[in-house]
Each structure stands twice: as structure tokens, then as C-alpha cells.
């Protein structure tokens, strides 16, 4: 099952991505000033997936992508796909799994995973 992942952009605004069951980003949202706005829009999307429209495009480099519309509002933009079939699989993943996907919040500035150096320091202190 996919997941919605909330994180921060370099300008400190918030965004979320929808990732596939294999961990690949399928789409990225627009920017939000506040984190709770991400959560609200995710919940609104999950409850109204039947209103979603997928506008498909082919870029100048030959890659395929879609703009995700919720009603008449631009909601998110997909990653680039090398074939139209892969683009269609990405859309199917959204339709199939997004309504029951969990929300993961990685927007805090705290380290989620310790780096190896910190682990080595801890081991030295223990000995």
C-alpha cells in the first residue's frame, strides 16, 4: 500500500508526496505554508478520490506526466514517466490505494535516522 509523506521544501514550506508500494514517488503536491494544511488536503483527497481528474501530458523531452486535479483545482503534479503505460500504472496505484494509505510526517528538523558516526560515538562511550 502507498503512503502520503509530508516533508519540507528548501524554502521551509511544506509539501507531501504520494509514494507507491515500492517507495517510488508518484506525485508531489503544491506548497503549503502550514503543516496542518497538508494533512487537511490529504484527508480531503482521500475522501474525494472519485472527484480526481488526471490530465496527461507529454513533455518536450518525450517523458510523460500528469497533473492531478481535484474538482477544478490543481492538486499535484506527477513524476516523469518514460512510457505512457508506466504513467497509467501510476494513476492506477493512486486510485487503488490512496484512500486507505497512511500519512507519514517527516517535516521536523530532527534526524530520523542516526548517521554511522553518532552510532560509533555511542559504542565508544559504552565500552
C-alpha atoms as a PDB file:
ATOM      1  CA  UNK A   1       0.000   0.000   0.000  1.00  0.00           C
ATOM      2  CA  UNK A   2       1.246   3.517  -0.745  1.00  0.00           C
ATOM      3  CA  UNK A   3       1.812   6.350   1.709  1.00  0.00           C
ATOM      4  CA  UNK A   4       1.500  10.108   1.877  1.00  0.00           C
ATOM      5  CA  UNK A   5       4.784  11.606   3.085  1.00  0.00           C
ATOM      6  CA  UNK A   6       4.861  15.144   4.472  1.00  0.00           C
ATOM      7  CA  UNK A   7       8.207  16.954   4.303  1.00  0.00           C
ATOM      8  CA  UNK A   8       9.668  20.442   3.936  1.00  0.00           C
ATOM      9  CA  UNK A   9      10.951  22.215   0.880  1.00  0.00           C
ATOM     10  CA  UNK A  10      14.200  24.190   0.970  1.00  0.00           C
ATOM     11  CA  UNK A  11      12.204  27.415   1.496  1.00  0.00           C
ATOM     12  CA  UNK A  12      10.652  25.896   4.686  1.00  0.00           C
ATOM     13  CA  UNK A  13       7.231  25.453   3.127  1.00  0.00           C
ATOM     14  CA  UNK A  14       5.548  22.071   3.422  1.00  0.00           C
ATOM     15  CA  UNK A  15       4.687  19.561   0.711  1.00  0.00           C
ATOM     16  CA  UNK A  16       3.598  15.970   0.523  1.00  0.00           C
ATOM     17  CA  UNK A  17       4.255  13.178  -1.882  1.00  0.00           C
ATOM     18  CA  UNK A  18       2.322  10.027  -2.584  1.00  0.00           C
ATOM     19  CA  UNK A  19       4.660   7.068  -2.786  1.00  0.00           C
ATOM     20  CA  UNK A  20       3.963   3.671  -4.304  1.00  0.00           C
ATOM     21  CA  UNK A  21       4.086   0.349  -2.510  1.00  0.00           C
ATOM     22  CA  UNK A  22       7.707   0.120  -3.645  1.00  0.00           C
ATOM     23  CA  UNK A  23       8.631   3.539  -2.281  1.00  0.00           C
ATOM     24  CA  UNK A  24       8.717   5.479  -5.576  1.00  0.00           C
ATOM     25  CA  UNK A  25       7.239   8.970  -5.620  1.00  0.00           C
ATOM     26  CA  UNK A  26       4.156   9.070  -7.832  1.00  0.00           C
ATOM     27  CA  UNK A  27       3.155  12.698  -7.318  1.00  0.00           C
ATOM     28  CA  UNK A  28       4.178  15.794  -5.383  1.00  0.00           C
ATOM     29  CA  UNK A  29       1.763  18.357  -4.010  1.00  0.00           C
ATOM     30  CA  UNK A  30       1.900  22.103  -4.295  1.00  0.00           C
ATOM     31  CA  UNK A  31       3.498  24.089  -1.443  1.00  0.00           C
ATOM     32  CA  UNK A  32       1.792  24.808   1.869  1.00  0.00           C
ATOM     33  CA  UNK A  33       2.689  27.420   4.454  1.00  0.00           C
ATOM     34  CA  UNK A  34       1.497  25.282   7.387  1.00  0.00           C
ATOM     35  CA  UNK A  35       1.849  21.553   8.026  1.00  0.00           C
ATOM     36  CA  UNK A  36      -1.782  21.030   9.038  1.00  0.00           C
ATOM     37  CA  UNK A  37      -2.844  22.312   5.608  1.00  0.00           C
ATOM     38  CA  UNK A  38      -1.052  19.299   4.098  1.00  0.00           C
ATOM     39  CA  UNK A  39      -2.909  16.952   6.404  1.00  0.00           C
ATOM     40  CA  UNK A  40      -6.257  18.578   5.626  1.00  0.00           C
ATOM     41  CA  UNK A  41      -5.711  18.343   1.868  1.00  0.00           C
ATOM     42  CA  UNK A  42      -4.566  14.730   2.123  1.00  0.00           C
ATOM     43  CA  UNK A  43      -7.716  13.814   4.047  1.00  0.00           C
ATOM     44  CA  UNK A  44      -9.865  15.771   1.590  1.00  0.00           C
ATOM     45  CA  UNK A  45      -8.206  13.921  -1.298  1.00  0.00           C
ATOM     46  CA  UNK A  46      -8.628  10.515   0.338  1.00  0.00           C
ATOM     47  CA  UNK A  47     -12.333  11.198   0.918  1.00  0.00           C
ATOM     48  CA  UNK A  48     -12.921  12.551  -2.592  1.00  0.00           C
ATOM     49  CA  UNK A  49     -10.737  10.355  -4.817  1.00  0.00           C
ATOM     50  CA  UNK A  50     -13.756   9.881  -7.091  1.00  0.00           C
ATOM     51  CA  UNK A  51     -13.542  13.603  -7.997  1.00  0.00           C
ATOM     52  CA  UNK A  52      -9.908  13.318  -9.100  1.00  0.00           C
ATOM     53  CA  UNK A  53      -9.031  14.013 -12.729  1.00  0.00           C
ATOM     54  CA  UNK A  54      -5.729  13.130 -14.315  1.00  0.00           C
ATOM     55  CA  UNK A  55      -4.648  15.481 -17.110  1.00  0.00           C
ATOM     56  CA  UNK A  56      -1.965  13.648 -19.090  1.00  0.00           C
ATOM     57  CA  UNK A  57       0.891  15.405 -20.871  1.00  0.00           C
ATOM     58  CA  UNK A  58       3.971  14.529 -22.887  1.00  0.00           C
ATOM     59  CA  UNK A  59       6.906  16.828 -22.189  1.00  0.00           C
ATOM     60  CA  UNK A  60       9.358  18.178 -24.749  1.00  0.00           C
ATOM     61  CA  UNK A  61      11.891  15.525 -23.655  1.00  0.00           C
ATOM     62  CA  UNK A  62       9.462  12.739 -24.519  1.00  0.00           C
ATOM     63  CA  UNK A  63       8.591  11.922 -20.891  1.00  0.00           C
ATOM     64  CA  UNK A  64       5.005  11.546 -19.716  1.00  0.00           C
ATOM     65  CA  UNK A  65       3.449  13.136 -16.626  1.00  0.00           C
ATOM     66  CA  UNK A  66       0.063  14.131 -15.288  1.00  0.00           C
ATOM     67  CA  UNK A  67      -1.448  16.973 -13.349  1.00  0.00           C
ATOM     68  CA  UNK A  68      -3.793  15.771 -10.665  1.00  0.00           C
ATOM     69  CA  UNK A  69      -6.915  17.885 -10.391  1.00  0.00           C
ATOM     70  CA  UNK A  70      -9.369  17.680  -7.515  1.00  0.00           C
ATOM     71  CA  UNK A  71     -12.511  19.123  -8.988  1.00  0.00           C
ATOM     72  CA  UNK A  72     -11.248  22.130 -10.938  1.00  0.00           C
ATOM     73  CA  UNK A  73      -8.258  22.801  -8.638  1.00  0.00           C
ATOM     74  CA  UNK A  74      -4.676  21.776  -9.490  1.00  0.00           C
ATOM     75  CA  UNK A  75      -3.733  19.490  -6.598  1.00  0.00           C
ATOM     76  CA  UNK A  76      -0.405  17.873  -7.525  1.00  0.00           C
ATOM     77  CA  UNK A  77       1.977  17.002 -10.362  1.00  0.00           C
ATOM     78  CA  UNK A  78       3.336  13.534 -11.061  1.00  0.00           C
ATOM     79  CA  UNK A  79       6.896  12.471 -11.556  1.00  0.00           C
ATOM     80  CA  UNK A  80       8.099  11.925 -15.126  1.00  0.00           C
ATOM     81  CA  UNK A  81       7.471   8.519 -16.716  1.00  0.00           C
ATOM     82  CA  UNK A  82       9.337   7.030 -19.660  1.00  0.00           C
ATOM     83  CA  UNK A  83       6.233   5.390 -21.177  1.00  0.00           C
ATOM     84  CA  UNK A  84       2.515   6.021 -21.220  1.00  0.00           C
ATOM     85  CA  UNK A  85       1.950   2.539 -19.757  1.00  0.00           C
ATOM     86  CA  UNK A  86       4.029   3.386 -16.666  1.00  0.00           C
ATOM     87  CA  UNK A  87       2.091   6.645 -16.301  1.00  0.00           C
ATOM     88  CA  UNK A  88      -1.160   4.661 -16.395  1.00  0.00           C
ATOM     89  CA  UNK A  89       0.187   2.270 -13.727  1.00  0.00           C
ATOM     90  CA  UNK A  90       0.989   5.270 -11.501  1.00  0.00           C
ATOM     91  CA  UNK A  91      -2.572   6.535 -11.853  1.00  0.00           C
ATOM     92  CA  UNK A  92      -3.947   3.073 -11.083  1.00  0.00           C
ATOM     93  CA  UNK A  93      -1.826   2.921  -7.908  1.00  0.00           C
ATOM     94  CA  UNK A  94      -3.326   6.236  -6.745  1.00  0.00           C
ATOM     95  CA  UNK A  95      -6.900   5.190  -7.468  1.00  0.00           C
ATOM     96  CA  UNK A  96      -6.439   1.772  -5.852  1.00  0.00           C
ATOM     97  CA  UNK A  97      -4.500   2.633  -2.691  1.00  0.00           C
ATOM     98  CA  UNK A  98      -4.644   6.338  -1.817  1.00  0.00           C
ATOM     99  CA  UNK A  99      -7.948   6.253   0.071  1.00  0.00           C
ATOM    100  CA  UNK A 100      -6.515   3.823   2.647  1.00  0.00           C
ATOM    101  CA  UNK A 101      -2.876   4.968   2.698  1.00  0.00           C
ATOM    102  CA  UNK A 102      -1.248   6.183   5.874  1.00  0.00           C
ATOM    103  CA  UNK A 103       0.274   9.619   6.409  1.00  0.00           C
ATOM    104  CA  UNK A 104       3.943   9.813   7.413  1.00  0.00           C
ATOM    105  CA  UNK A 105       5.293  13.121   8.723  1.00  0.00           C
ATOM    106  CA  UNK A 106       9.000  13.722   8.093  1.00  0.00           C
ATOM    107  CA  UNK A 107       8.732  17.513   8.280  1.00  0.00           C
ATOM    108  CA  UNK A 108      10.509  18.071  11.606  1.00  0.00           C
ATOM    109  CA  UNK A 109      14.129  19.129  11.519  1.00  0.00           C
ATOM    110  CA  UNK A 110      15.150  16.280  13.785  1.00  0.00           C
ATOM    111  CA  UNK A 111      17.234  13.454  12.383  1.00  0.00           C
ATOM    112  CA  UNK A 112      15.041  10.476  11.673  1.00  0.00           C
ATOM    113  CA  UNK A 113      17.910   8.033  11.227  1.00  0.00           C
ATOM    114  CA  UNK A 114      21.185   8.369  13.084  1.00  0.00           C
ATOM    115  CA  UNK A 115      24.288   8.515  10.981  1.00  0.00           C
ATOM    116  CA  UNK A 116      27.086   5.980  11.421  1.00  0.00           C
ATOM    117  CA  UNK A 117      29.372   8.467  13.190  1.00  0.00           C
ATOM    118  CA  UNK A 118      26.870   9.022  16.007  1.00  0.00           C
ATOM    119  CA  UNK A 119      26.450   5.265  16.481  1.00  0.00           C
ATOM    120  CA  UNK A 120      30.234   4.790  16.724  1.00  0.00           C
ATOM    121  CA  UNK A 121      30.471   7.539  19.373  1.00  0.00           C
ATOM    122  CA  UNK A 122      27.759   5.830  21.420  1.00  0.00           C
ATOM    123  CA  UNK A 123      29.567   2.461  21.179  1.00  0.00           C
ATOM    124  CA  UNK A 124      32.839   4.041  22.369  1.00  0.00           C
ATOM    125  CA  UNK A 125      31.102   5.638  25.365  1.00  0.00           C
ATOM    126  CA  UNK A 126      29.585   2.299  26.368  1.00  0.00           C
ATOM    127  CA  UNK A 127      32.946   0.472  26.342  1.00  0.00           C
END
